[in-house]
Amino acid sequence: MFWKTTAILACAILATGAAKKPAPAAAAAAAGAPAPAKPAAAVKPDAPFDARDPASLVALLATAGAKASLVHREDDAVLVTVTSTAADFSAQYAGCNAQGRACKVVLFDNMTDQPGPTFAQLNAFNQTSAMCRSYEDKASKPHVVYSTLLFEDDSRDRMKVQVAAWTGCVAEFRNFLKDPNDYLANAP
């Protein structure tokens, strides 16, 4: 379990630090992603970044070619949906202020339509991962989730690492779903 978690974190850190940063105009053109429907489209890659603001995540994901949009706001929560080549998922911000910013936590969630493993297998998957958690919803659909606390001084690079760790969770869960018994037999 430790080596797998360490490998995911190392890949996330290397992936975000090793990539050459394109010019803001070139990044937007290369992404080719349509602008989100909300005002977050005005946020530029070199603009101030606040990880506690869902609009900053929308802008960050847009620079990576994903299409993200703020779809729902209720009380102290904001829901963002994301479509990308890596995965379609949601990001639920919680503990937000009345303007839907200054959020305290974000929970990433990916649901699959693939037939689910047994409850015992999901529980065993949870025991192999320090960061990724799985569950089965009321419709018997398996999910993988990852959450992180958000702080005022969280940088754009730190959020990139969190997104990379999240996509690592999605990849691991997909490997697990291919053959839960084999995955678990080879898990640490």
N, C-alpha and C. Protein backbone atom coordinates (compact mmCIF):
# COMPACT_ATOMS: atom_id res chain seq x y z
N MET A 1 0.83 -1.18 0.00
CA MET A 1 0.00 0.00 0.00
C MET A 1 0.88 1.25 0.00
N PHE A 2 1.92 1.27 0.83
CA PHE A 2 2.78 2.43 0.93
C PHE A 2 3.46 2.74 -0.39
N TRP A 3 3.98 1.71 -1.07
CA TRP A 3 4.70 1.96 -2.33
C TRP A 3 3.76 2.50 -3.39
N LYS A 4 2.52 2.02 -3.42
CA LYS A 4 1.57 2.49 -4.42
C LYS A 4 1.22 3.96 -4.18
N THR A 5 0.97 4.32 -2.93
CA THR A 5 0.66 5.70 -2.59
C THR A 5 1.85 6.60 -2.89
N THR A 6 3.03 6.15 -2.54
CA THR A 6 4.24 6.93 -2.81
C THR A 6 4.44 7.11 -4.31
N ALA A 7 4.20 6.06 -5.08
CA ALA A 7 4.36 6.15 -6.53
C ALA A 7 3.37 7.13 -7.14
N ILE A 8 2.13 7.10 -6.68
CA ILE A 8 1.13 8.05 -7.19
C ILE A 8 1.53 9.48 -6.87
N LEU A 9 1.96 9.72 -5.64
CA LEU A 9 2.38 11.07 -5.26
C LEU A 9 3.61 11.51 -6.04
N ALA A 10 4.58 10.62 -6.22
CA ALA A 10 5.79 10.97 -6.98
C ALA A 10 5.44 11.33 -8.41
N CYS A 11 4.57 10.53 -9.03
CA CYS A 11 4.15 10.83 -10.41
C CYS A 11 3.44 12.17 -10.48
N ALA A 12 2.59 12.44 -9.51
CA ALA A 12 1.86 13.70 -9.50
C ALA A 12 2.81 14.88 -9.38
N ILE A 13 3.78 14.77 -8.49
CA ILE A 13 4.73 15.86 -8.29
C ILE A 13 5.60 16.04 -9.52
N LEU A 14 6.09 14.95 -10.08
CA LEU A 14 6.93 15.05 -11.27
C LEU A 14 6.15 15.58 -12.47
N ALA A 15 4.92 15.14 -12.61
CA ALA A 15 4.11 15.57 -13.76
C ALA A 15 3.83 17.06 -13.71
N THR A 16 3.60 17.61 -12.55
CA THR A 16 3.29 19.03 -12.47
C THR A 16 4.53 19.90 -12.51
N GLY A 17 5.66 19.38 -12.05
CA GLY A 17 6.88 20.18 -12.03
C GLY A 17 7.71 20.07 -13.28
N ALA A 18 7.59 18.95 -14.01
CA ALA A 18 8.46 18.72 -15.14
C ALA A 18 7.94 19.32 -16.44
N ALA A 19 6.68 19.59 -16.52
CA ALA A 19 6.11 20.09 -17.77
C ALA A 19 6.50 21.54 -18.00
N LYS A 20 6.90 21.83 -19.23
CA LYS A 20 7.23 23.19 -19.60
C LYS A 20 5.93 23.98 -19.64
N LYS A 21 5.93 25.17 -19.05
CA LYS A 21 4.72 25.98 -18.99
C LYS A 21 4.59 26.79 -20.27
N PRO A 22 3.50 26.57 -21.04
CA PRO A 22 3.31 27.34 -22.25
C PRO A 22 2.86 28.76 -21.91
N ALA A 23 3.02 29.63 -22.88
CA ALA A 23 2.53 30.99 -22.71
C ALA A 23 1.02 30.94 -22.53
N PRO A 24 0.43 31.86 -21.77
CA PRO A 24 -1.02 31.81 -21.52
C PRO A 24 -1.85 31.75 -22.79
N ALA A 25 -1.52 32.52 -23.81
CA ALA A 25 -2.30 32.50 -25.04
C ALA A 25 -2.15 31.16 -25.75
N ALA A 26 -0.93 30.61 -25.74
CA ALA A 26 -0.69 29.32 -26.39
C ALA A 26 -1.41 28.21 -25.65
N ALA A 27 -1.45 28.28 -24.32
CA ALA A 27 -2.14 27.25 -23.54
C ALA A 27 -3.63 27.24 -23.85
N ALA A 28 -4.22 28.42 -23.96
CA ALA A 28 -5.65 28.50 -24.25
C ALA A 28 -5.94 27.98 -25.65
N ALA A 29 -5.08 28.32 -26.61
CA ALA A 29 -5.29 27.86 -27.97
C ALA A 29 -5.08 26.35 -28.08
N ALA A 30 -4.04 25.84 -27.39
CA ALA A 30 -3.75 24.41 -27.45
C ALA A 30 -4.83 23.59 -26.78
N ALA A 31 -5.42 24.14 -25.73
CA ALA A 31 -6.46 23.40 -25.01
C ALA A 31 -7.67 23.19 -25.91
N GLY A 32 -8.01 24.18 -26.71
CA GLY A 32 -9.14 24.06 -27.62
C GLY A 32 -10.45 23.81 -26.91
N ALA A 33 -10.48 24.01 -25.62
CA ALA A 33 -11.70 23.76 -24.85
C ALA A 33 -12.61 24.96 -24.92
N PRO A 34 -13.91 24.72 -25.06
CA PRO A 34 -14.83 25.84 -25.04
C PRO A 34 -14.85 26.48 -23.65
N ALA A 35 -15.14 27.76 -23.61
CA ALA A 35 -15.16 28.47 -22.35
C ALA A 35 -16.31 27.99 -21.47
N PRO A 36 -16.08 27.89 -20.17
CA PRO A 36 -17.16 27.51 -19.27
C PRO A 36 -18.29 28.54 -19.31
N ALA A 37 -19.47 28.11 -18.95
CA ALA A 37 -20.64 28.97 -19.02
C ALA A 37 -20.64 30.04 -17.94
N LYS A 38 -19.88 29.89 -16.89
CA LYS A 38 -19.86 30.82 -15.77
C LYS A 38 -18.72 31.82 -15.91
N PRO A 39 -18.72 32.87 -15.10
CA PRO A 39 -17.67 33.89 -15.17
C PRO A 39 -16.26 33.37 -14.98
N ALA A 40 -16.08 32.14 -14.58
CA ALA A 40 -14.74 31.59 -14.38
C ALA A 40 -13.90 31.63 -15.65
N ALA A 41 -14.53 31.75 -16.82
CA ALA A 41 -13.79 31.80 -18.08
C ALA A 41 -12.87 33.02 -18.13
N ALA A 42 -13.18 34.05 -17.36
CA ALA A 42 -12.36 35.25 -17.37
C ALA A 42 -11.05 35.06 -16.60
N VAL A 43 -10.94 34.00 -15.81
CA VAL A 43 -9.73 33.75 -15.04
C VAL A 43 -8.64 33.24 -15.98
N LYS A 44 -7.50 33.92 -16.00
CA LYS A 44 -6.39 33.54 -16.87
C LYS A 44 -5.41 32.71 -16.07
N PRO A 45 -4.61 31.86 -16.78
CA PRO A 45 -3.64 31.02 -16.07
C PRO A 45 -2.68 31.80 -15.18
N ASP A 46 -2.35 33.04 -15.54
CA ASP A 46 -1.41 33.82 -14.73
C ASP A 46 -2.13 34.73 -13.74
N ALA A 47 -3.46 34.64 -13.68
CA ALA A 47 -4.24 35.44 -12.75
C ALA A 47 -4.07 34.88 -11.34
N PRO A 48 -4.38 35.69 -10.33
CA PRO A 48 -4.30 35.17 -8.96
C PRO A 48 -5.14 33.91 -8.83
N PHE A 49 -4.64 32.97 -8.05
CA PHE A 49 -5.29 31.68 -7.91
C PHE A 49 -5.73 31.49 -6.46
N ASP A 50 -6.96 31.05 -6.28
CA ASP A 50 -7.48 30.74 -4.95
C ASP A 50 -8.12 29.37 -5.01
N ALA A 51 -7.44 28.36 -4.48
CA ALA A 51 -7.93 26.99 -4.53
C ALA A 51 -9.27 26.84 -3.83
N ARG A 52 -9.61 27.77 -2.94
CA ARG A 52 -10.88 27.70 -2.21
C ARG A 52 -12.05 28.21 -3.04
N ASP A 53 -11.77 28.75 -4.22
CA ASP A 53 -12.80 29.27 -5.12
C ASP A 53 -13.02 28.27 -6.26
N PRO A 54 -14.22 27.69 -6.37
CA PRO A 54 -14.47 26.72 -7.44
C PRO A 54 -14.16 27.26 -8.84
N ALA A 55 -14.31 28.55 -9.04
CA ALA A 55 -14.01 29.13 -10.35
C ALA A 55 -12.53 28.96 -10.70
N SER A 56 -11.65 28.94 -9.71
CA SER A 56 -10.22 28.72 -9.98
C SER A 56 -9.97 27.30 -10.48
N LEU A 57 -10.69 26.31 -9.93
CA LEU A 57 -10.55 24.93 -10.42
C LEU A 57 -11.05 24.84 -11.85
N VAL A 58 -12.18 25.49 -12.14
CA VAL A 58 -12.72 25.48 -13.50
C VAL A 58 -11.68 26.03 -14.47
N ALA A 59 -11.05 27.14 -14.13
CA ALA A 59 -10.03 27.75 -15.00
C ALA A 59 -8.80 26.85 -15.11
N LEU A 60 -8.37 26.27 -14.01
CA LEU A 60 -7.20 25.38 -14.01
C LEU A 60 -7.45 24.18 -14.92
N LEU A 61 -8.61 23.57 -14.81
CA LEU A 61 -8.93 22.41 -15.63
C LEU A 61 -9.07 22.78 -17.10
N ALA A 62 -9.55 23.98 -17.37
CA ALA A 62 -9.66 24.44 -18.76
C ALA A 62 -8.29 24.53 -19.42
N THR A 63 -7.27 24.94 -18.66
CA THR A 63 -5.92 25.01 -19.23
C THR A 63 -5.38 23.63 -19.56
N ALA A 64 -5.97 22.59 -18.95
CA ALA A 64 -5.55 21.21 -19.23
C ALA A 64 -6.44 20.55 -20.27
N GLY A 65 -7.35 21.31 -20.87
CA GLY A 65 -8.21 20.77 -21.92
C GLY A 65 -9.52 20.19 -21.45
N ALA A 66 -9.81 20.29 -20.18
CA ALA A 66 -11.07 19.77 -19.66
C ALA A 66 -12.15 20.84 -19.73
N LYS A 67 -13.38 20.39 -19.80
CA LYS A 67 -14.51 21.31 -19.77
C LYS A 67 -15.16 21.17 -18.39
N ALA A 68 -15.12 22.24 -17.63
CA ALA A 68 -15.69 22.23 -16.29
C ALA A 68 -16.67 23.38 -16.15
N SER A 69 -17.71 23.15 -15.39
CA SER A 69 -18.67 24.23 -15.16
C SER A 69 -19.30 24.11 -13.78
N LEU A 70 -19.62 25.27 -13.23
CA LEU A 70 -20.32 25.34 -11.96
C LEU A 70 -21.78 25.05 -12.25
N VAL A 71 -22.31 23.98 -11.70
CA VAL A 71 -23.67 23.58 -12.06
C VAL A 71 -24.70 23.75 -10.96
N HIS A 72 -24.24 23.85 -9.71
CA HIS A 72 -25.22 23.95 -8.64
C HIS A 72 -24.58 24.58 -7.41
N ARG A 73 -25.34 25.43 -6.76
CA ARG A 73 -24.88 26.02 -5.51
C ARG A 73 -26.02 25.96 -4.51
N GLU A 74 -25.69 25.50 -3.32
CA GLU A 74 -26.72 25.34 -2.30
C GLU A 74 -26.09 25.55 -0.93
N ASP A 75 -26.67 26.41 -0.13
CA ASP A 75 -26.16 26.71 1.21
C ASP A 75 -24.66 26.97 1.16
N ASP A 76 -23.87 26.07 1.75
CA ASP A 76 -22.42 26.28 1.78
C ASP A 76 -21.68 25.35 0.83
N ALA A 77 -22.37 24.85 -0.21
CA ALA A 77 -21.76 23.89 -1.14
C ALA A 77 -21.88 24.37 -2.58
N VAL A 78 -20.88 24.00 -3.39
CA VAL A 78 -20.86 24.30 -4.82
C VAL A 78 -20.49 23.02 -5.55
N LEU A 79 -21.23 22.68 -6.59
CA LEU A 79 -20.95 21.48 -7.38
C LEU A 79 -20.41 21.88 -8.74
N VAL A 80 -19.27 21.30 -9.10
CA VAL A 80 -18.63 21.51 -10.40
C VAL A 80 -18.65 20.17 -11.13
N THR A 81 -19.05 20.17 -12.40
CA THR A 81 -18.95 18.95 -13.20
C THR A 81 -17.83 19.13 -14.21
N VAL A 82 -17.14 18.02 -14.50
CA VAL A 82 -15.96 18.06 -15.35
C VAL A 82 -16.05 16.96 -16.39
N THR A 83 -15.76 17.32 -17.63
CA THR A 83 -15.63 16.36 -18.72
C THR A 83 -14.23 16.50 -19.27
N SER A 84 -13.50 15.38 -19.31
CA SER A 84 -12.13 15.42 -19.82
C SER A 84 -11.81 14.09 -20.48
N THR A 85 -10.65 14.04 -21.12
CA THR A 85 -10.22 12.78 -21.73
C THR A 85 -9.85 11.76 -20.66
N ALA A 86 -9.42 12.22 -19.48
CA ALA A 86 -9.04 11.31 -18.40
C ALA A 86 -10.26 10.69 -17.74
N ALA A 87 -11.28 11.51 -17.48
CA ALA A 87 -12.48 11.00 -16.82
C ALA A 87 -13.52 12.11 -16.72
N ASP A 88 -14.76 11.70 -16.62
CA ASP A 88 -15.83 12.63 -16.29
C ASP A 88 -16.04 12.49 -14.78
N PHE A 89 -16.12 13.61 -14.08
CA PHE A 89 -16.26 13.55 -12.64
C PHE A 89 -16.89 14.81 -12.11
N SER A 90 -17.16 14.82 -10.82
CA SER A 90 -17.66 16.02 -10.17
C SER A 90 -16.69 16.42 -9.07
N ALA A 91 -16.75 17.68 -8.72
CA ALA A 91 -15.99 18.21 -7.60
C ALA A 91 -16.98 18.98 -6.73
N GLN A 92 -17.19 18.50 -5.53
CA GLN A 92 -18.12 19.16 -4.64
C GLN A 92 -17.35 19.93 -3.58
N TYR A 93 -17.51 21.24 -3.60
CA TYR A 93 -16.89 22.10 -2.61
C TYR A 93 -17.85 22.24 -1.44
N ALA A 94 -17.33 22.27 -0.22
CA ALA A 94 -18.18 22.41 0.97
C ALA A 94 -17.53 23.39 1.94
N GLY A 95 -18.36 23.90 2.83
CA GLY A 95 -17.88 24.88 3.81
C GLY A 95 -17.60 26.22 3.17
N CYS A 96 -18.35 26.56 2.12
CA CYS A 96 -18.12 27.80 1.38
C CYS A 96 -18.86 28.97 2.03
N ASN A 97 -18.43 30.19 1.73
CA ASN A 97 -19.12 31.36 2.24
C ASN A 97 -20.38 31.63 1.41
N ALA A 98 -21.09 32.70 1.71
CA ALA A 98 -22.37 33.01 1.05
C ALA A 98 -22.20 33.26 -0.45
N GLN A 99 -20.99 33.63 -0.89
CA GLN A 99 -20.73 33.87 -2.31
C GLN A 99 -20.25 32.60 -3.03
N GLY A 100 -20.18 31.49 -2.33
CA GLY A 100 -19.74 30.25 -2.95
C GLY A 100 -18.23 30.17 -3.11
N ARG A 101 -17.50 30.94 -2.30
CA ARG A 101 -16.03 30.93 -2.34
C ARG A 101 -15.51 30.68 -0.92
N ALA A 102 -14.22 30.76 -0.76
CA ALA A 102 -13.57 30.51 0.54
C ALA A 102 -14.00 29.16 1.12
N CYS A 103 -14.10 28.16 0.24
CA CYS A 103 -14.52 26.82 0.64
C CYS A 103 -13.42 26.14 1.44
N LYS A 104 -13.81 25.23 2.28
CA LYS A 104 -12.86 24.57 3.17
C LYS A 104 -12.39 23.20 2.69
N VAL A 105 -13.14 22.57 1.78
CA VAL A 105 -12.80 21.23 1.33
C VAL A 105 -13.38 21.00 -0.07
N VAL A 106 -12.74 20.12 -0.83
CA VAL A 106 -13.30 19.69 -2.11
C VAL A 106 -13.25 18.16 -2.14
N LEU A 107 -14.33 17.57 -2.62
CA LEU A 107 -14.44 16.12 -2.78
C LEU A 107 -14.61 15.82 -4.26
N PHE A 108 -13.66 15.09 -4.83
CA PHE A 108 -13.74 14.65 -6.22
C PHE A 108 -14.46 13.31 -6.24
N ASP A 109 -15.34 13.09 -7.22
CA ASP A 109 -16.14 11.86 -7.27
C ASP A 109 -16.27 11.41 -8.73
N ASN A 110 -15.95 10.14 -8.97
CA ASN A 110 -16.09 9.54 -10.29
C ASN A 110 -16.96 8.30 -10.17
N MET A 111 -18.07 8.29 -10.91
CA MET A 111 -18.96 7.14 -10.92
C MET A 111 -18.75 6.37 -12.22
N THR A 112 -18.87 5.07 -12.15
CA THR A 112 -18.76 4.26 -13.36
C THR A 112 -20.05 3.50 -13.58
N ASP A 113 -20.36 3.25 -14.84
CA ASP A 113 -21.54 2.45 -15.18
C ASP A 113 -21.21 0.97 -15.23
N GLN A 114 -19.95 0.66 -15.06
CA GLN A 114 -19.48 -0.73 -15.09
C GLN A 114 -20.12 -1.49 -13.93
N PRO A 115 -20.47 -2.75 -14.14
CA PRO A 115 -21.00 -3.54 -13.02
C PRO A 115 -20.04 -3.50 -11.85
N GLY A 116 -20.62 -3.34 -10.69
CA GLY A 116 -19.79 -3.14 -9.51
C GLY A 116 -19.25 -4.41 -8.88
N PRO A 117 -18.13 -4.25 -8.22
CA PRO A 117 -17.60 -5.36 -7.43
C PRO A 117 -18.46 -5.54 -6.18
N THR A 118 -18.19 -6.57 -5.44
CA THR A 118 -18.95 -6.82 -4.21
C THR A 118 -18.54 -5.79 -3.15
N PHE A 119 -19.37 -5.70 -2.13
CA PHE A 119 -19.06 -4.80 -1.02
C PHE A 119 -17.73 -5.19 -0.38
N ALA A 120 -17.50 -6.47 -0.21
CA ALA A 120 -16.24 -6.95 0.38
C ALA A 120 -15.04 -6.54 -0.49
N GLN A 121 -15.19 -6.60 -1.82
CA GLN A 121 -14.10 -6.19 -2.70
C GLN A 121 -13.86 -4.68 -2.61
N LEU A 122 -14.94 -3.89 -2.55
CA LEU A 122 -14.78 -2.44 -2.39
C LEU A 122 -14.06 -2.13 -1.08
N ASN A 123 -14.45 -2.82 -0.02
CA ASN A 123 -13.81 -2.62 1.26
C ASN A 123 -12.32 -2.99 1.18
N ALA A 124 -12.02 -4.08 0.50
CA ALA A 124 -10.62 -4.50 0.35
C ALA A 124 -9.83 -3.47 -0.47
N PHE A 125 -10.46 -2.89 -1.51
CA PHE A 125 -9.80 -1.83 -2.28
C PHE A 125 -9.45 -0.67 -1.36
N ASN A 126 -10.40 -0.28 -0.50
CA ASN A 126 -10.16 0.82 0.42
C ASN A 126 -8.98 0.54 1.34
N GLN A 127 -8.77 -0.72 1.67
CA GLN A 127 -7.66 -1.08 2.54
C GLN A 127 -6.32 -1.06 1.82
N THR A 128 -6.32 -1.04 0.48
CA THR A 128 -5.06 -1.01 -0.27
C THR A 128 -4.63 0.41 -0.61
N SER A 129 -5.48 1.39 -0.38
CA SER A 129 -5.17 2.76 -0.79
C SER A 129 -5.24 3.72 0.39
N ALA A 130 -4.22 4.54 0.53
CA ALA A 130 -4.22 5.53 1.59
C ALA A 130 -5.00 6.78 1.20
N MET A 131 -5.17 7.02 -0.11
CA MET A 131 -5.79 8.27 -0.56
C MET A 131 -7.13 8.10 -1.25
N CYS A 132 -7.35 7.00 -1.92
CA CYS A 132 -8.55 6.81 -2.73
C CYS A 132 -9.55 5.97 -1.96
N ARG A 133 -10.80 6.34 -2.02
CA ARG A 133 -11.86 5.59 -1.36
C ARG A 133 -12.93 5.23 -2.38
N SER A 134 -13.52 4.06 -2.20
CA SER A 134 -14.58 3.62 -3.10
C SER A 134 -15.83 3.35 -2.28
N TYR A 135 -16.96 3.44 -2.96
CA TYR A 135 -18.24 3.10 -2.34
C TYR A 135 -19.23 2.76 -3.43
N GLU A 136 -20.34 2.19 -3.02
CA GLU A 136 -21.42 1.86 -3.95
C GLU A 136 -22.62 2.74 -3.59
N ASP A 137 -23.18 3.44 -4.59
CA ASP A 137 -24.31 4.32 -4.31
C ASP A 137 -25.62 3.52 -4.24
N LYS A 138 -26.72 4.22 -4.01
CA LYS A 138 -28.03 3.57 -3.85
C LYS A 138 -28.48 2.86 -5.12
N ALA A 139 -27.95 3.26 -6.27
CA ALA A 139 -28.29 2.62 -7.54
C ALA A 139 -27.29 1.50 -7.87
N SER A 140 -26.48 1.11 -6.91
CA SER A 140 -25.48 0.04 -7.05
C SER A 140 -24.38 0.38 -8.05
N LYS A 141 -24.08 1.66 -8.21
CA LYS A 141 -22.99 2.10 -9.08
C LYS A 141 -21.74 2.35 -8.24
N PRO A 142 -20.59 1.79 -8.65
CA PRO A 142 -19.37 2.03 -7.89
C PRO A 142 -18.80 3.42 -8.16
N HIS A 143 -18.27 4.03 -7.12
CA HIS A 143 -17.64 5.36 -7.19
C HIS A 143 -16.26 5.27 -6.58
N VAL A 144 -15.38 6.15 -7.03
CA VAL A 144 -14.11 6.38 -6.34
C VAL A 144 -14.10 7.87 -5.99
N VAL A 145 -13.64 8.18 -4.79
CA VAL A 145 -13.61 9.56 -4.33
C VAL A 145 -12.24 9.89 -3.74
N TYR A 146 -11.96 11.19 -3.73
CA TYR A 146 -10.72 11.71 -3.16
C TYR A 146 -11.06 13.11 -2.65
N SER A 147 -10.64 13.43 -1.46
CA SER A 147 -10.92 14.76 -0.93
C SER A 147 -9.66 15.40 -0.39
N THR A 148 -9.69 16.72 -0.32
CA THR A 148 -8.56 17.46 0.23
C THR A 148 -9.07 18.72 0.90
N LEU A 149 -8.42 19.08 1.99
CA LEU A 149 -8.71 20.35 2.65
C LEU A 149 -8.13 21.47 1.80
N LEU A 150 -8.74 22.64 1.88
CA LEU A 150 -8.29 23.80 1.10
C LEU A 150 -7.89 24.91 2.06
N PHE A 151 -6.78 25.58 1.73
CA PHE A 151 -6.27 26.65 2.58
C PHE A 151 -6.02 27.90 1.75
N GLU A 152 -6.03 29.04 2.41
CA GLU A 152 -5.85 30.32 1.73
C GLU A 152 -4.55 30.39 0.96
N ASP A 153 -3.50 29.75 1.45
CA ASP A 153 -2.20 29.84 0.78
C ASP A 153 -1.93 28.69 -0.21
N ASP A 154 -2.94 27.90 -0.53
CA ASP A 154 -2.76 26.83 -1.52
C ASP A 154 -2.47 27.45 -2.89
N SER A 155 -1.40 27.01 -3.51
CA SER A 155 -0.99 27.56 -4.81
C SER A 155 -1.63 26.78 -5.96
N ARG A 156 -1.48 27.34 -7.14
CA ARG A 156 -1.93 26.66 -8.36
C ARG A 156 -1.19 25.33 -8.51
N ASP A 157 0.12 25.33 -8.22
CA ASP A 157 0.89 24.09 -8.33
C ASP A 157 0.42 23.03 -7.33
N ARG A 158 0.08 23.44 -6.12
CA ARG A 158 -0.43 22.47 -5.15
C ARG A 158 -1.75 21.88 -5.64
N MET A 159 -2.58 22.71 -6.23
CA MET A 159 -3.87 22.19 -6.73
C MET A 159 -3.64 21.27 -7.92
N LYS A 160 -2.63 21.55 -8.74
CA LYS A 160 -2.29 20.64 -9.83
C LYS A 160 -1.88 19.27 -9.28
N VAL A 161 -1.14 19.28 -8.18
CA VAL A 161 -0.74 18.02 -7.55
C VAL A 161 -1.98 17.29 -7.04
N GLN A 162 -2.94 18.02 -6.46
CA GLN A 162 -4.17 17.39 -5.97
C GLN A 162 -4.96 16.78 -7.13
N VAL A 163 -5.05 17.49 -8.24
CA VAL A 163 -5.77 16.96 -9.42
C VAL A 163 -5.03 15.74 -9.97
N ALA A 164 -3.70 15.79 -9.99
CA ALA A 164 -2.93 14.63 -10.46
C ALA A 164 -3.13 13.43 -9.54
N ALA A 165 -3.15 13.67 -8.23
CA ALA A 165 -3.42 12.58 -7.28
C ALA A 165 -4.82 12.01 -7.53
N TRP A 166 -5.78 12.90 -7.79
CA TRP A 166 -7.14 12.46 -8.07
C TRP A 166 -7.19 11.60 -9.33
N THR A 167 -6.55 12.03 -10.39
CA THR A 167 -6.57 11.23 -11.62
C THR A 167 -5.85 9.90 -11.42
N GLY A 168 -4.85 9.89 -10.52
CA GLY A 168 -4.22 8.63 -10.14
C GLY A 168 -5.21 7.70 -9.46
N CYS A 169 -6.07 8.25 -8.62
CA CYS A 169 -7.13 7.44 -7.98
C CYS A 169 -8.05 6.84 -9.02
N VAL A 170 -8.45 7.65 -9.98
CA VAL A 170 -9.36 7.17 -11.04
C VAL A 170 -8.69 6.02 -11.80
N ALA A 171 -7.42 6.18 -12.14
CA ALA A 171 -6.69 5.14 -12.87
C ALA A 171 -6.59 3.86 -12.05
N GLU A 172 -6.26 3.98 -10.77
CA GLU A 172 -6.17 2.79 -9.91
C GLU A 172 -7.52 2.09 -9.79
N PHE A 173 -8.58 2.87 -9.66
CA PHE A 173 -9.91 2.28 -9.52
C PHE A 173 -10.32 1.56 -10.80
N ARG A 174 -9.96 2.13 -11.94
CA ARG A 174 -10.25 1.44 -13.22
C ARG A 174 -9.50 0.12 -13.30
N ASN A 175 -8.24 0.12 -12.87
CA ASN A 175 -7.47 -1.14 -12.85
C ASN A 175 -8.14 -2.15 -11.94
N PHE A 176 -8.60 -1.70 -10.80
CA PHE A 176 -9.31 -2.57 -9.86
C PHE A 176 -10.57 -3.14 -10.49
N LEU A 177 -11.35 -2.30 -11.17
CA LEU A 177 -12.62 -2.74 -11.74
C LEU A 177 -12.45 -3.74 -12.88
N LYS A 178 -11.31 -3.73 -13.57
CA LYS A 178 -11.07 -4.70 -14.66
C LYS A 178 -11.16 -6.13 -14.14
N ASP A 179 -10.56 -6.37 -12.98
CA ASP A 179 -10.58 -7.70 -12.37
C ASP A 179 -10.30 -7.54 -10.88
N PRO A 180 -11.35 -7.30 -10.09
CA PRO A 180 -11.13 -7.05 -8.66
C PRO A 180 -10.35 -8.16 -7.96
N ASN A 181 -10.63 -9.42 -8.28
CA ASN A 181 -9.93 -10.52 -7.60
C ASN A 181 -8.43 -10.50 -7.90
N ASP A 182 -8.07 -10.29 -9.16
CA ASP A 182 -6.66 -10.24 -9.53
C ASP A 182 -5.98 -9.03 -8.90
N TYR A 183 -6.64 -7.89 -8.97
CA TYR A 183 -6.09 -6.66 -8.38
C TYR A 183 -5.79 -6.88 -6.90
N LEU A 184 -6.77 -7.42 -6.18
CA LEU A 184 -6.61 -7.61 -4.74
C LEU A 184 -5.58 -8.68 -4.41
N ALA A 185 -5.47 -9.70 -5.25
CA ALA A 185 -4.48 -10.77 -5.02
C ALA A 185 -3.06 -10.22 -5.14
N ASN A 186 -2.89 -9.17 -5.94
CA ASN A 186 -1.57 -8.59 -6.15
C ASN A 186 -1.35 -7.30 -5.35
N ALA A 187 -2.32 -6.91 -4.58
CA ALA A 187 -2.19 -5.68 -3.78
C ALA A 187 -1.28 -5.92 -2.59
N PRO A 188 -0.59 -4.89 -2.16
CA PRO A 188 0.31 -5.05 -1.01
C PRO A 188 -0.47 -5.32 0.28
